[in-house]
């Protein structure tokens, strides 16, 4: 793992403190060579303005934690999905996954 990715993952770890709430099923991100980032929330219901506020706070905290120039732009997505976690697109990596039990 390169130094940029380590820095990004540590920024996520610190920035997620206090930003996880029960409706969040998973949080993943995509980081491209052009230094663009996508952060995606997977929710167990349709997104609300509070979800977009939370993901904006997360993005701001991540940017303030990283050295300048590591991320050139961030796109934010809040998606509702009831698909099993293992079927959700994880982009580059999941940074949070809620534990969910499958009924047999």
N, C-alpha and C. Protein backbone atom coordinates (compact mmCIF):
# COMPACT_ATOMS: atom_id res chain seq x y z
N UNK A 1 0.84 -1.17 0.00
CA UNK A 1 0.00 0.00 0.00
C UNK A 1 0.89 1.24 0.00
N UNK A 2 0.60 2.18 -0.87
CA UNK A 2 1.44 3.36 -0.96
C UNK A 2 1.11 4.38 0.13
N UNK A 3 1.96 5.36 0.28
CA UNK A 3 1.85 6.34 1.35
C UNK A 3 0.57 7.18 1.23
N UNK A 4 0.17 7.54 0.01
CA UNK A 4 -1.07 8.31 -0.16
C UNK A 4 -2.27 7.53 0.35
N UNK A 5 -2.34 6.25 -0.02
CA UNK A 5 -3.49 5.43 0.41
C UNK A 5 -3.48 5.26 1.92
N UNK A 6 -2.32 5.09 2.52
CA UNK A 6 -2.24 5.00 3.98
C UNK A 6 -2.76 6.28 4.63
N UNK A 7 -2.36 7.42 4.09
CA UNK A 7 -2.81 8.70 4.62
C UNK A 7 -4.32 8.85 4.49
N UNK A 8 -4.86 8.42 3.36
CA UNK A 8 -6.31 8.51 3.13
C UNK A 8 -7.06 7.62 4.10
N UNK A 9 -6.60 6.39 4.28
CA UNK A 9 -7.28 5.47 5.18
C UNK A 9 -7.22 5.96 6.63
N UNK A 10 -6.11 6.52 7.04
CA UNK A 10 -6.01 7.09 8.39
C UNK A 10 -6.92 8.30 8.55
N UNK A 11 -7.02 9.12 7.50
CA UNK A 11 -7.93 10.27 7.55
C UNK A 11 -9.38 9.80 7.68
N UNK A 12 -9.75 8.76 6.95
CA UNK A 12 -11.10 8.19 7.08
C UNK A 12 -11.32 7.70 8.50
N UNK A 13 -10.36 6.97 9.05
CA UNK A 13 -10.52 6.41 10.39
C UNK A 13 -10.79 7.51 11.41
N UNK A 14 -10.01 8.57 11.36
CA UNK A 14 -10.21 9.67 12.30
C UNK A 14 -11.51 10.42 12.03
N UNK A 15 -11.83 10.61 10.76
CA UNK A 15 -13.00 11.41 10.39
C UNK A 15 -14.32 10.70 10.63
N UNK A 16 -14.30 9.38 10.64
CA UNK A 16 -15.54 8.62 10.87
C UNK A 16 -15.98 8.61 12.33
N UNK A 17 -15.10 8.97 13.24
CA UNK A 17 -15.47 9.00 14.65
C UNK A 17 -16.65 9.95 14.85
N UNK A 18 -17.74 9.41 15.34
CA UNK A 18 -18.93 10.21 15.58
C UNK A 18 -19.83 10.41 14.37
N UNK A 19 -19.45 9.91 13.21
CA UNK A 19 -20.26 10.09 12.00
C UNK A 19 -21.04 8.85 11.59
N UNK A 20 -20.90 7.75 12.31
CA UNK A 20 -21.65 6.54 11.99
C UNK A 20 -22.95 6.56 12.78
N UNK A 21 -24.06 6.31 12.12
CA UNK A 21 -25.36 6.25 12.77
C UNK A 21 -26.11 5.03 12.23
N UNK A 22 -27.18 4.59 12.91
CA UNK A 22 -27.79 3.28 12.61
C UNK A 22 -28.21 3.05 11.17
N UNK A 23 -28.59 4.07 10.43
CA UNK A 23 -29.08 3.88 9.06
C UNK A 23 -27.97 3.65 8.04
N UNK A 24 -26.73 3.88 8.42
CA UNK A 24 -25.60 3.70 7.50
C UNK A 24 -25.23 2.22 7.46
N UNK A 25 -25.33 1.61 6.28
CA UNK A 25 -24.97 0.21 6.10
C UNK A 25 -23.50 0.07 5.74
N UNK A 26 -22.99 1.00 4.97
CA UNK A 26 -21.61 0.91 4.54
C UNK A 26 -21.14 2.24 4.00
N UNK A 27 -19.83 2.44 4.06
CA UNK A 27 -19.21 3.63 3.48
C UNK A 27 -17.99 3.16 2.70
N UNK A 28 -17.92 3.58 1.45
CA UNK A 28 -16.79 3.21 0.61
C UNK A 28 -16.30 4.44 -0.13
N UNK A 29 -15.15 4.29 -0.76
CA UNK A 29 -14.61 5.41 -1.52
C UNK A 29 -13.86 4.90 -2.74
N UNK A 30 -13.70 5.80 -3.68
CA UNK A 30 -12.88 5.57 -4.87
C UNK A 30 -11.85 6.67 -4.91
N UNK A 31 -10.61 6.30 -5.11
CA UNK A 31 -9.53 7.28 -5.26
C UNK A 31 -8.82 6.98 -6.56
N UNK A 32 -8.78 7.95 -7.44
CA UNK A 32 -8.18 7.74 -8.76
C UNK A 32 -6.78 8.33 -8.84
N UNK A 33 -6.06 7.93 -9.87
CA UNK A 33 -4.70 8.44 -10.09
C UNK A 33 -4.71 9.94 -10.35
N UNK A 34 -5.85 10.46 -10.80
CA UNK A 34 -5.96 11.90 -11.03
C UNK A 34 -6.32 12.64 -9.74
N UNK A 35 -6.25 11.94 -8.62
CA UNK A 35 -6.46 12.48 -7.27
C UNK A 35 -7.91 12.92 -7.03
N UNK A 36 -8.83 12.33 -7.77
CA UNK A 36 -10.25 12.58 -7.55
C UNK A 36 -10.78 11.49 -6.62
N UNK A 37 -11.72 11.87 -5.76
CA UNK A 37 -12.27 10.92 -4.80
C UNK A 37 -13.80 10.95 -4.87
N UNK A 38 -14.37 9.77 -4.74
CA UNK A 38 -15.82 9.62 -4.55
C UNK A 38 -16.01 8.97 -3.19
N UNK A 39 -16.89 9.54 -2.38
CA UNK A 39 -17.27 8.93 -1.11
C UNK A 39 -18.74 8.55 -1.24
N UNK A 40 -19.06 7.31 -0.91
CA UNK A 40 -20.43 6.82 -1.05
C UNK A 40 -20.93 6.23 0.26
N UNK A 41 -22.10 6.69 0.70
CA UNK A 41 -22.82 6.08 1.81
C UNK A 41 -23.83 5.11 1.22
N UNK A 42 -23.95 3.93 1.79
CA UNK A 42 -25.06 3.02 1.52
C UNK A 42 -25.97 3.06 2.76
N UNK A 43 -27.23 3.36 2.54
CA UNK A 43 -28.20 3.52 3.61
C UNK A 43 -29.29 2.47 3.52
N UNK A 44 -29.96 2.22 4.66
CA UNK A 44 -31.06 1.25 4.66
C UNK A 44 -32.42 1.92 4.41
N UNK A 45 -32.40 3.15 3.96
CA UNK A 45 -33.60 3.92 3.61
C UNK A 45 -33.19 4.99 2.61
N UNK A 46 -34.18 5.68 2.07
CA UNK A 46 -33.88 6.77 1.13
C UNK A 46 -33.11 7.87 1.86
N UNK A 47 -32.13 8.49 1.19
CA UNK A 47 -31.34 9.54 1.82
C UNK A 47 -32.17 10.77 2.18
N UNK A 48 -31.76 11.43 3.26
CA UNK A 48 -32.38 12.69 3.69
C UNK A 48 -31.32 13.78 3.70
N UNK A 49 -31.75 14.99 3.97
CA UNK A 49 -30.80 16.11 4.04
C UNK A 49 -29.76 15.88 5.14
N UNK A 50 -30.14 15.19 6.22
CA UNK A 50 -29.20 14.90 7.30
C UNK A 50 -28.08 13.97 6.82
N UNK A 51 -28.40 13.05 5.93
CA UNK A 51 -27.38 12.15 5.37
C UNK A 51 -26.38 12.95 4.54
N UNK A 52 -26.88 13.87 3.72
CA UNK A 52 -25.98 14.68 2.90
C UNK A 52 -25.14 15.61 3.77
N UNK A 53 -25.72 16.10 4.86
CA UNK A 53 -24.97 16.91 5.81
C UNK A 53 -23.85 16.09 6.44
N UNK A 54 -24.15 14.86 6.83
CA UNK A 54 -23.15 13.99 7.45
C UNK A 54 -22.01 13.68 6.49
N UNK A 55 -22.32 13.36 5.24
CA UNK A 55 -21.26 13.01 4.29
C UNK A 55 -20.42 14.25 3.94
N UNK A 56 -21.03 15.43 3.96
CA UNK A 56 -20.27 16.67 3.74
C UNK A 56 -19.31 16.93 4.90
N UNK A 57 -19.76 16.68 6.13
CA UNK A 57 -18.89 16.83 7.30
C UNK A 57 -17.73 15.85 7.18
N UNK A 58 -18.03 14.61 6.81
CA UNK A 58 -16.99 13.60 6.64
C UNK A 58 -15.95 14.06 5.61
N UNK A 59 -16.42 14.52 4.46
CA UNK A 59 -15.52 14.98 3.40
C UNK A 59 -14.66 16.15 3.87
N UNK A 60 -15.27 17.12 4.55
CA UNK A 60 -14.52 18.27 5.07
C UNK A 60 -13.44 17.82 6.04
N UNK A 61 -13.80 16.89 6.93
CA UNK A 61 -12.83 16.40 7.92
C UNK A 61 -11.67 15.66 7.24
N UNK A 62 -11.99 14.87 6.22
CA UNK A 62 -10.94 14.15 5.50
C UNK A 62 -10.00 15.13 4.81
N UNK A 63 -10.56 16.11 4.12
CA UNK A 63 -9.73 17.10 3.42
C UNK A 63 -8.84 17.87 4.39
N UNK A 64 -9.38 18.23 5.54
CA UNK A 64 -8.58 18.99 6.50
C UNK A 64 -7.50 18.13 7.14
N UNK A 65 -7.67 16.82 7.11
CA UNK A 65 -6.70 15.90 7.72
C UNK A 65 -5.55 15.55 6.77
N UNK A 66 -5.78 15.70 5.48
CA UNK A 66 -4.78 15.30 4.47
C UNK A 66 -3.87 16.46 4.08
N UNK A 67 -2.68 16.12 3.65
CA UNK A 67 -1.76 17.11 3.10
C UNK A 67 -2.37 17.71 1.83
N UNK A 68 -2.14 18.99 1.58
CA UNK A 68 -2.65 19.60 0.34
C UNK A 68 -2.15 18.85 -0.89
N UNK A 69 -3.01 18.73 -1.88
CA UNK A 69 -2.63 18.10 -3.14
C UNK A 69 -2.88 16.60 -3.23
N UNK A 70 -3.24 15.95 -2.13
CA UNK A 70 -3.52 14.51 -2.19
C UNK A 70 -4.86 14.26 -2.87
N UNK A 71 -5.84 15.12 -2.61
CA UNK A 71 -7.16 15.01 -3.22
C UNK A 71 -7.46 16.32 -3.95
N UNK A 72 -7.77 16.22 -5.25
CA UNK A 72 -8.07 17.42 -6.03
C UNK A 72 -9.56 17.76 -6.00
N UNK A 73 -10.41 16.74 -5.90
CA UNK A 73 -11.86 16.98 -5.83
C UNK A 73 -12.54 15.78 -5.18
N UNK A 74 -13.70 16.06 -4.58
CA UNK A 74 -14.48 14.98 -3.94
C UNK A 74 -15.92 15.07 -4.42
N UNK A 75 -16.44 13.93 -4.84
CA UNK A 75 -17.87 13.79 -5.16
C UNK A 75 -18.50 12.96 -4.05
N UNK A 76 -19.72 13.33 -3.67
CA UNK A 76 -20.40 12.66 -2.55
C UNK A 76 -21.68 12.01 -3.04
N UNK A 77 -21.92 10.77 -2.58
CA UNK A 77 -23.11 10.02 -2.97
C UNK A 77 -23.74 9.38 -1.74
N UNK A 78 -25.05 9.47 -1.65
CA UNK A 78 -25.82 8.76 -0.63
C UNK A 78 -26.82 7.87 -1.38
N UNK A 79 -26.70 6.57 -1.22
CA UNK A 79 -27.52 5.62 -1.96
C UNK A 79 -28.31 4.72 -1.02
N UNK A 80 -29.58 4.53 -1.33
CA UNK A 80 -30.37 3.53 -0.62
C UNK A 80 -30.16 2.19 -1.33
N UNK A 81 -29.96 1.13 -0.55
CA UNK A 81 -29.88 -0.22 -1.12
C UNK A 81 -30.26 -1.23 -0.06
N UNK A 82 -31.08 -2.20 -0.48
CA UNK A 82 -31.40 -3.31 0.43
C UNK A 82 -30.71 -4.60 -0.03
N UNK A 83 -29.79 -4.47 -0.99
CA UNK A 83 -29.01 -5.62 -1.45
C UNK A 83 -28.06 -6.06 -0.34
N UNK A 84 -27.71 -7.34 -0.31
CA UNK A 84 -26.73 -7.80 0.67
C UNK A 84 -25.41 -7.02 0.53
N UNK A 85 -24.74 -6.81 1.65
CA UNK A 85 -23.49 -6.05 1.65
C UNK A 85 -22.50 -6.59 0.63
N UNK A 86 -22.41 -7.92 0.51
CA UNK A 86 -21.41 -8.49 -0.41
C UNK A 86 -21.77 -8.27 -1.88
N UNK A 87 -22.94 -7.70 -2.16
CA UNK A 87 -23.33 -7.39 -3.54
C UNK A 87 -23.23 -5.90 -3.86
N UNK A 88 -22.85 -5.10 -2.87
CA UNK A 88 -22.72 -3.66 -3.09
C UNK A 88 -21.36 -3.35 -3.72
N UNK A 89 -21.35 -2.41 -4.63
CA UNK A 89 -20.10 -1.99 -5.26
C UNK A 89 -19.25 -1.27 -4.21
N UNK A 90 -18.04 -1.76 -4.00
CA UNK A 90 -17.20 -1.17 -2.95
C UNK A 90 -16.24 -0.10 -3.45
N UNK A 91 -16.29 0.23 -4.75
CA UNK A 91 -15.37 1.21 -5.32
C UNK A 91 -13.94 0.78 -5.03
N UNK A 92 -13.07 1.66 -4.46
CA UNK A 92 -11.71 1.23 -4.13
C UNK A 92 -11.71 0.35 -2.90
N UNK A 93 -12.47 0.77 -1.86
CA UNK A 93 -12.42 0.06 -0.59
C UNK A 93 -13.57 0.51 0.30
N UNK A 94 -14.12 -0.44 1.07
CA UNK A 94 -15.05 -0.09 2.14
C UNK A 94 -14.22 0.40 3.33
N UNK A 95 -14.67 1.47 3.97
CA UNK A 95 -14.03 1.94 5.20
C UNK A 95 -14.92 1.69 6.41
N UNK A 96 -16.18 1.32 6.13
CA UNK A 96 -17.11 0.94 7.20
C UNK A 96 -18.14 0.00 6.60
N UNK A 97 -18.44 -1.08 7.32
CA UNK A 97 -19.53 -1.99 6.94
C UNK A 97 -20.27 -2.37 8.21
N UNK A 98 -21.57 -2.18 8.19
CA UNK A 98 -22.40 -2.57 9.32
C UNK A 98 -22.56 -4.08 9.33
N UNK A 99 -22.52 -4.66 10.50
CA UNK A 99 -22.75 -6.11 10.61
C UNK A 99 -24.23 -6.38 10.39
N UNK A 100 -24.50 -7.26 9.44
CA UNK A 100 -25.88 -7.62 9.11
C UNK A 100 -25.98 -9.14 9.06
N UNK A 101 -27.04 -9.65 9.61
CA UNK A 101 -27.27 -11.09 9.63
C UNK A 101 -28.25 -11.44 8.52
N UNK A 102 -27.93 -12.49 7.78
CA UNK A 102 -28.82 -13.00 6.74
C UNK A 102 -29.68 -14.11 7.34
N UNK A 103 -31.00 -14.02 7.15
CA UNK A 103 -31.87 -15.08 7.62
C UNK A 103 -31.74 -16.27 6.69
N UNK A 104 -31.70 -17.45 7.29
CA UNK A 104 -31.51 -18.68 6.51
C UNK A 104 -32.84 -19.37 6.32
